[in-house]
Amino acid sequence: MKDSKTFWDKAAEKYIKSPIKDEAAYQKKLAITQAFLRPDYKVLEFGCGSGATAIFHAPHVAQVVATDISDKMIEAAQRKAVEAGVKNIVFQQGTLDSLQFKNESFDAVLGLNVLHLLEDVDGAIVKVHQLLKNEGVFVSSTSLIAEINLAFRWLISGMQLLGLAPYVSRFTKRQLISKLLKAGFTIEREWQASHESVFIVARKV
């Protein structure tokens, strides 16, 4: 299995061109997120991918810092932001661990379709809690690999051996919520378009 940066650099072009699988669900997630954002907010999005979500939210907040492990993703996201005329996004290549942000420096953190791709999910959630100001919100959309059918899980394992799939963490919705509560969050909103993924808005307390 390839390391995450190598995998996503190689997959970036195909990923960026891929259509959204469930446009209605995506639009609902954007709307829910918008309800928790304010014009003076400084927002961090880690695992920003093509930058589409950061670009959507940027006009409604003071600043977005959008990061991704892949240089190729960041390059594409920067181009999209320029094309959209959005100027209040700072793009940075890196991860929660490698980028040095001050604690309590963000009003909201977005981690969309990324937690299940991390090896240390607990550590990432704790880091997000540290980066958020008091009462700040963490918005996540996460695939529940442990809850998909066994055949598909075996398929993922086989693809990983061939370098065709990235690392994935396997946890259930209950386990994810437990991780968030343990880190010091309360759950403000939970929504599922399917049993295979969950969208959660959690607040730092």
C-alpha atoms as a PDB file:
ATOM      1  CA  MET A   1       0.000   0.000   0.000  1.00  0.00           C
ATOM      2  CA  LYS A   2       1.342   3.417  -0.977  1.00  0.00           C
ATOM      3  CA  ASP A   3       1.870   6.150   1.603  1.00  0.00           C
ATOM      4  CA  SER A   4      -1.029   8.590   1.715  1.00  0.00           C
ATOM      5  CA  LYS A   5       0.688  11.539   0.021  1.00  0.00           C
ATOM      6  CA  THR A   6       1.940   9.436  -2.889  1.00  0.00           C
ATOM      7  CA  PHE A   7      -1.483   7.845  -3.328  1.00  0.00           C
ATOM      8  CA  TRP A   8      -3.413  11.129  -3.336  1.00  0.00           C
ATOM      9  CA  ASP A   9      -0.918  12.951  -5.548  1.00  0.00           C
ATOM     10  CA  LYS A  10      -1.383  10.214  -8.126  1.00  0.00           C
ATOM     11  CA  ALA A  11      -5.166  10.031  -7.674  1.00  0.00           C
ATOM     12  CA  ALA A  12      -5.710  13.807  -7.619  1.00  0.00           C
ATOM     13  CA  GLU A  13      -6.531  14.364 -11.296  1.00  0.00           C
ATOM     14  CA  LYS A  14      -9.092  11.550 -11.411  1.00  0.00           C
ATOM     15  CA  TYR A  15     -10.571  12.549  -8.036  1.00  0.00           C
ATOM     16  CA  ILE A  16     -10.989  16.179  -9.080  1.00  0.00           C
ATOM     17  CA  LYS A  17     -12.810  15.194 -12.289  1.00  0.00           C
ATOM     18  CA  SER A  18     -15.119  12.716 -10.530  1.00  0.00           C
ATOM     19  CA  PRO A  19     -18.736  13.885 -10.163  1.00  0.00           C
ATOM     20  CA  ILE A  20     -20.324  14.112  -6.723  1.00  0.00           C
ATOM     21  CA  LYS A  21     -22.051  10.795  -6.070  1.00  0.00           C
ATOM     22  CA  ASP A  22     -25.070  12.233  -4.237  1.00  0.00           C
ATOM     23  CA  GLU A  23     -25.594  15.886  -5.104  1.00  0.00           C
ATOM     24  CA  ALA A  24     -28.679  16.245  -2.889  1.00  0.00           C
ATOM     25  CA  ALA A  25     -26.823  14.928   0.162  1.00  0.00           C
ATOM     26  CA  TYR A  26     -23.853  17.195  -0.585  1.00  0.00           C
ATOM     27  CA  GLN A  27     -26.096  20.252  -0.825  1.00  0.00           C
ATOM     28  CA  LYS A  28     -27.785  19.366   2.473  1.00  0.00           C
ATOM     29  CA  LYS A  29     -24.382  19.080   4.192  1.00  0.00           C
ATOM     30  CA  LEU A  30     -23.408  22.494   2.836  1.00  0.00           C
ATOM     31  CA  ALA A  31     -26.660  23.993   4.121  1.00  0.00           C
ATOM     32  CA  ILE A  32     -26.283  22.447   7.579  1.00  0.00           C
ATOM     33  CA  THR A  33     -22.700  23.677   7.795  1.00  0.00           C
ATOM     34  CA  GLN A  34     -23.712  27.184   6.732  1.00  0.00           C
ATOM     35  CA  ALA A  35     -26.136  27.372   9.649  1.00  0.00           C
ATOM     36  CA  PHE A  36     -23.215  27.012  12.073  1.00  0.00           C
ATOM     37  CA  LEU A  37     -20.905  29.567  10.410  1.00  0.00           C
ATOM     38  CA  ARG A  38     -20.714  33.323  11.027  1.00  0.00           C
ATOM     39  CA  PRO A  39     -19.293  36.211   8.951  1.00  0.00           C
ATOM     40  CA  ASP A  40     -16.418  36.814  11.411  1.00  0.00           C
ATOM     41  CA  TYR A  41     -15.337  33.157  11.600  1.00  0.00           C
ATOM     42  CA  LYS A  42     -11.878  31.875  10.798  1.00  0.00           C
ATOM     43  CA  VAL A  43     -12.317  28.358   9.412  1.00  0.00           C
ATOM     44  CA  LEU A  44      -9.877  25.491   8.908  1.00  0.00           C
ATOM     45  CA  GLU A  45     -10.609  22.723   6.437  1.00  0.00           C
ATOM     46  CA  PHE A  46      -8.208  19.777   6.492  1.00  0.00           C
ATOM     47  CA  GLY A  47      -8.318  17.315   3.626  1.00  0.00           C
ATOM     48  CA  CYS A  48      -9.798  20.005   1.375  1.00  0.00           C
ATOM     49  CA  GLY A  49      -9.323  17.999  -1.830  1.00  0.00           C
ATOM     50  CA  SER A  50     -10.342  19.989  -4.898  1.00  0.00           C
ATOM     51  CA  GLY A  51     -11.279  22.999  -2.739  1.00  0.00           C
ATOM     52  CA  ALA A  52     -14.948  23.044  -3.752  1.00  0.00           C
ATOM     53  CA  THR A  53     -16.326  23.140  -0.207  1.00  0.00           C
ATOM     54  CA  ALA A  54     -13.848  25.765   0.979  1.00  0.00           C
ATOM     55  CA  ILE A  55     -14.703  27.935  -2.031  1.00  0.00           C
ATOM     56  CA  PHE A  56     -18.433  27.573  -1.317  1.00  0.00           C
ATOM     57  CA  HIS A  57     -18.144  28.635   2.332  1.00  0.00           C
ATOM     58  CA  ALA A  58     -15.458  31.323   1.911  1.00  0.00           C
ATOM     59  CA  PRO A  59     -17.811  34.215   0.941  1.00  0.00           C
ATOM     60  CA  HIS A  60     -19.744  33.677   4.182  1.00  0.00           C
ATOM     61  CA  VAL A  61     -16.805  33.816   6.643  1.00  0.00           C
ATOM     62  CA  ALA A  62     -13.774  36.035   7.314  1.00  0.00           C
ATOM     63  CA  GLN A  63     -11.132  33.529   6.227  1.00  0.00           C
ATOM     64  CA  VAL A  64     -10.673  29.880   5.309  1.00  0.00           C
ATOM     65  CA  VAL A  65      -7.398  28.017   5.723  1.00  0.00           C
ATOM     66  CA  ALA A  66      -7.668  24.973   3.455  1.00  0.00           C
ATOM     67  CA  THR A  67      -5.103  22.181   3.694  1.00  0.00           C
ATOM     68  CA  ASP A  68      -4.487  18.851   2.034  1.00  0.00           C
ATOM     69  CA  ILE A  69      -1.745  16.229   2.140  1.00  0.00           C
ATOM     70  CA  SER A  70      -1.477  16.337  -1.670  1.00  0.00           C
ATOM     71  CA  ASP A  71       0.390  19.075  -3.549  1.00  0.00           C
ATOM     72  CA  LYS A  72      -1.656  18.207  -6.628  1.00  0.00           C
ATOM     73  CA  MET A  73      -4.932  18.757  -4.783  1.00  0.00           C
ATOM     74  CA  ILE A  74      -3.744  22.107  -3.457  1.00  0.00           C
ATOM     75  CA  GLU A  75      -2.646  23.252  -6.913  1.00  0.00           C
ATOM     76  CA  ALA A  76      -6.059  22.391  -8.357  1.00  0.00           C
ATOM     77  CA  ALA A  77      -7.887  24.043  -5.447  1.00  0.00           C
ATOM     78  CA  GLN A  78      -5.868  27.245  -5.885  1.00  0.00           C
ATOM     79  CA  ARG A  79      -6.789  27.366  -9.573  1.00  0.00           C
ATOM     80  CA  LYS A  80     -10.462  26.895  -8.759  1.00  0.00           C
ATOM     81  CA  ALA A  81     -10.391  29.682  -6.186  1.00  0.00           C
ATOM     82  CA  VAL A  82      -8.830  32.084  -8.698  1.00  0.00           C
ATOM     83  CA  GLU A  83     -11.435  31.134 -11.311  1.00  0.00           C
ATOM     84  CA  ALA A  84     -14.205  31.709  -8.744  1.00  0.00           C
ATOM     85  CA  GLY A  85     -12.754  35.075  -7.712  1.00  0.00           C
ATOM     86  CA  VAL A  86     -12.498  33.989  -4.072  1.00  0.00           C
ATOM     87  CA  LYS A  87      -9.621  35.718  -2.305  1.00  0.00           C
ATOM     88  CA  ASN A  88     -10.016  34.885   1.399  1.00  0.00           C
ATOM     89  CA  ILE A  89      -8.744  31.293   1.271  1.00  0.00           C
ATOM     90  CA  VAL A  90      -5.199  30.410   2.291  1.00  0.00           C
ATOM     91  CA  PHE A  91      -4.175  27.057   0.817  1.00  0.00           C
ATOM     92  CA  GLN A  92      -1.425  25.022   2.475  1.00  0.00           C
ATOM     93  CA  GLN A  93      -0.028  21.582   1.728  1.00  0.00           C
ATOM     94  CA  GLY A  94       0.280  19.464   4.849  1.00  0.00           C
ATOM     95  CA  THR A  95      -1.571  17.623   7.598  1.00  0.00           C
ATOM     96  CA  LEU A  96      -2.893  18.410  11.055  1.00  0.00           C
ATOM     97  CA  ASP A  97       0.397  17.092  12.428  1.00  0.00           C
ATOM     98  CA  SER A  98       2.805  18.794  10.051  1.00  0.00           C
ATOM     99  CA  LEU A  99       1.240  22.262   9.903  1.00  0.00           C
ATOM    100  CA  GLN A 100       1.877  24.474  12.903  1.00  0.00           C
ATOM    101  CA  PHE A 101      -1.314  26.245  13.934  1.00  0.00           C
ATOM    102  CA  LYS A 102      -1.796  27.951  17.282  1.00  0.00           C
ATOM    103  CA  ASN A 103      -4.248  26.373  19.693  1.00  0.00           C
ATOM    104  CA  GLU A 104      -7.680  28.004  19.874  1.00  0.00           C
ATOM    105  CA  SER A 105      -7.135  29.859  16.591  1.00  0.00           C
ATOM    106  CA  PHE A 106     -10.208  28.699  14.655  1.00  0.00           C
ATOM    107  CA  ASP A 107     -13.951  29.175  15.122  1.00  0.00           C
ATOM    108  CA  ALA A 108     -14.789  26.147  12.984  1.00  0.00           C
ATOM    109  CA  VAL A 109     -12.906  23.162  11.610  1.00  0.00           C
ATOM    110  CA  LEU A 110     -14.142  21.085   8.674  1.00  0.00           C
ATOM    111  CA  GLY A 111     -12.946  17.516   8.155  1.00  0.00           C
ATOM    112  CA  LEU A 112     -15.030  16.183   5.275  1.00  0.00           C
ATOM    113  CA  ASN A 113     -14.528  12.681   3.927  1.00  0.00           C
ATOM    114  CA  VAL A 114     -11.156  12.480   5.641  1.00  0.00           C
ATOM    115  CA  LEU A 115     -11.286  11.039   9.189  1.00  0.00           C
ATOM    116  CA  HIS A 116     -11.569   7.462   7.928  1.00  0.00           C
ATOM    117  CA  LEU A 117      -8.432   8.032   5.829  1.00  0.00           C
ATOM    118  CA  LEU A 118      -6.283   8.796   8.878  1.00  0.00           C
ATOM    119  CA  GLU A 119      -4.220   6.283  10.831  1.00  0.00           C
ATOM    120  CA  ASP A 120      -4.611   8.143  14.139  1.00  0.00           C
ATOM    121  CA  VAL A 121      -8.259   9.189  14.228  1.00  0.00           C
ATOM    122  CA  ASP A 122      -8.251   9.794  17.994  1.00  0.00           C
ATOM    123  CA  GLY A 123      -5.185  12.012  17.713  1.00  0.00           C
ATOM    124  CA  ALA A 124      -6.743  14.035  14.897  1.00  0.00           C
ATOM    125  CA  ILE A 125      -9.932  14.637  16.887  1.00  0.00           C
ATOM    126  CA  VAL A 126      -7.922  15.747  19.930  1.00  0.00           C
ATOM    127  CA  LYS A 127      -5.892  18.096  17.688  1.00  0.00           C
ATOM    128  CA  VAL A 128      -9.059  19.605  16.237  1.00  0.00           C
ATOM    129  CA  HIS A 129     -10.354  20.212  19.761  1.00  0.00           C
ATOM    130  CA  GLN A 130      -7.112  22.023  20.619  1.00  0.00           C
ATOM    131  CA  LEU A 131      -7.283  24.205  17.503  1.00  0.00           C
ATOM    132  CA  LEU A 132     -10.856  25.307  18.128  1.00  0.00           C
ATOM    133  CA  LYS A 133     -11.829  28.262  20.256  1.00  0.00           C
ATOM    134  CA  ASN A 134     -14.249  27.591  23.095  1.00  0.00           C
ATOM    135  CA  GLU A 135     -17.698  26.867  21.663  1.00  0.00           C
ATOM    136  CA  GLY A 136     -16.126  26.297  18.236  1.00  0.00           C
ATOM    137  CA  VAL A 137     -17.630  23.672  15.918  1.00  0.00           C
ATOM    138  CA  PHE A 138     -16.136  20.634  14.215  1.00  0.00           C
ATOM    139  CA  VAL A 139     -18.004  19.530  11.083  1.00  0.00           C
ATOM    140  CA  SER A 140     -17.198  16.060   9.786  1.00  0.00           C
ATOM    141  CA  SER A 141     -18.533  13.746   7.118  1.00  0.00           C
ATOM    142  CA  THR A 142     -17.126  10.265   7.489  1.00  0.00           C
ATOM    143  CA  SER A 143     -17.373   6.890   5.785  1.00  0.00           C
ATOM    144  CA  LEU A 144     -18.134   4.116   8.256  1.00  0.00           C
ATOM    145  CA  ILE A 145     -15.916   1.389   6.832  1.00  0.00           C
ATOM    146  CA  ALA A 146     -16.731  -0.972   9.716  1.00  0.00           C
ATOM    147  CA  GLU A 147     -20.425  -0.841   8.797  1.00  0.00           C
ATOM    148  CA  ILE A 148     -20.205  -1.600   5.084  1.00  0.00           C
ATOM    149  CA  ASN A 149     -20.689  -5.165   3.887  1.00  0.00           C
ATOM    150  CA  LEU A 150     -17.890  -7.675   4.415  1.00  0.00           C
ATOM    151  CA  ALA A 151     -17.343  -8.319   0.702  1.00  0.00           C
ATOM    152  CA  PHE A 152     -16.648  -4.644   0.055  1.00  0.00           C
ATOM    153  CA  ARG A 153     -14.256  -4.498   3.006  1.00  0.00           C
ATOM    154  CA  TRP A 154     -12.315  -7.431   1.523  1.00  0.00           C
ATOM    155  CA  LEU A 155     -12.315  -5.642  -1.832  1.00  0.00           C
ATOM    156  CA  ILE A 156     -10.777  -2.558  -0.222  1.00  0.00           C
ATOM    157  CA  SER A 157      -8.059  -4.711   1.367  1.00  0.00           C
ATOM    158  CA  GLY A 158      -7.252  -6.281  -1.999  1.00  0.00           C
ATOM    159  CA  MET A 159      -7.095  -2.918  -3.721  1.00  0.00           C
ATOM    160  CA  GLN A 160      -4.789  -1.607  -1.009  1.00  0.00           C
ATOM    161  CA  LEU A 161      -2.364  -4.456  -1.651  1.00  0.00           C
ATOM    162  CA  LEU A 162      -2.275  -3.395  -5.313  1.00  0.00           C
ATOM    163  CA  GLY A 163      -1.822   0.277  -4.460  1.00  0.00           C
ATOM    164  CA  LEU A 164      -5.280   1.090  -5.816  1.00  0.00           C
ATOM    165  CA  ALA A 165      -6.855   2.215  -2.528  1.00  0.00           C
ATOM    166  CA  PRO A 166      -5.578   4.401   0.315  1.00  0.00           C
ATOM    167  CA  TYR A 167      -5.255   3.519   3.994  1.00  0.00           C
ATOM    168  CA  VAL A 168      -8.624   3.443   5.773  1.00  0.00           C
ATOM    169  CA  SER A 169      -9.572   3.294   9.441  1.00  0.00           C
ATOM    170  CA  ARG A 170     -12.445   1.021  10.346  1.00  0.00           C
ATOM    171  CA  PHE A 171     -14.878   2.297  12.967  1.00  0.00           C
ATOM    172  CA  THR A 172     -18.622   2.414  13.557  1.00  0.00           C
ATOM    173  CA  LYS A 173     -20.794   5.484  14.103  1.00  0.00           C
ATOM    174  CA  ARG A 174     -21.028   4.657  17.794  1.00  0.00           C
ATOM    175  CA  GLN A 175     -17.237   4.432  18.041  1.00  0.00           C
ATOM    176  CA  LEU A 176     -16.777   7.738  16.216  1.00  0.00           C
ATOM    177  CA  ILE A 177     -19.241   9.532  18.482  1.00  0.00           C
ATOM    178  CA  SER A 178     -17.476   8.021  21.495  1.00  0.00           C
ATOM    179  CA  LYS A 179     -14.151   9.426  20.238  1.00  0.00           C
ATOM    180  CA  LEU A 180     -15.690  12.887  19.862  1.00  0.00           C
ATOM    181  CA  LEU A 181     -17.253  12.840  23.323  1.00  0.00           C
ATOM    182  CA  LYS A 182     -14.031  11.589  24.896  1.00  0.00           C
ATOM    183  CA  ALA A 183     -12.103  14.469  23.298  1.00  0.00           C
ATOM    184  CA  GLY A 184     -14.467  17.028  24.841  1.00  0.00           C
ATOM    185  CA  PHE A 185     -17.114  17.626  22.192  1.00  0.00           C
ATOM    186  CA  THR A 186     -20.886  17.592  22.409  1.00  0.00           C
ATOM    187  CA  ILE A 187     -22.929  16.465  19.412  1.00  0.00           C
ATOM    188  CA  GLU A 188     -25.003  19.319  17.962  1.00  0.00           C
ATOM    189  CA  ARG A 189     -26.271  17.648  14.781  1.00  0.00           C
ATOM    190  CA  GLU A 190     -26.096  14.157  13.313  1.00  0.00           C
ATOM    191  CA  TRP A 191     -27.404  13.128   9.908  1.00  0.00           C
ATOM    192  CA  GLN A 192     -27.026  10.100   7.681  1.00  0.00           C
ATOM    193  CA  ALA A 193     -27.841   9.920   3.980  1.00  0.00           C
ATOM    194  CA  SER A 194     -27.005   6.200   4.198  1.00  0.00           C
ATOM    195  CA  HIS A 195     -25.865   3.744   6.859  1.00  0.00           C
ATOM    196  CA  GLU A 196     -22.369   3.771   5.323  1.00  0.00           C
ATOM    197  CA  SER A 197     -21.503   7.354   6.282  1.00  0.00           C
ATOM    198  CA  VAL A 198     -22.375   9.940   8.911  1.00  0.00           C
ATOM    199  CA  PHE A 199     -22.358  13.748   8.982  1.00  0.00           C
ATOM    200  CA  ILE A 200     -21.756  15.241  12.420  1.00  0.00           C
ATOM    201  CA  VAL A 201     -21.539  18.760  13.800  1.00  0.00           C
ATOM    202  CA  ALA A 202     -19.792  18.690  17.188  1.00  0.00           C
ATOM    203  CA  ARG A 203     -19.129  21.629  19.508  1.00  0.00           C
ATOM    204  CA  LYS A 204     -16.116  22.171  21.750  1.00  0.00           C
ATOM    205  CA  VAL A 205     -17.104  22.481  25.386  1.00  0.00           C
END
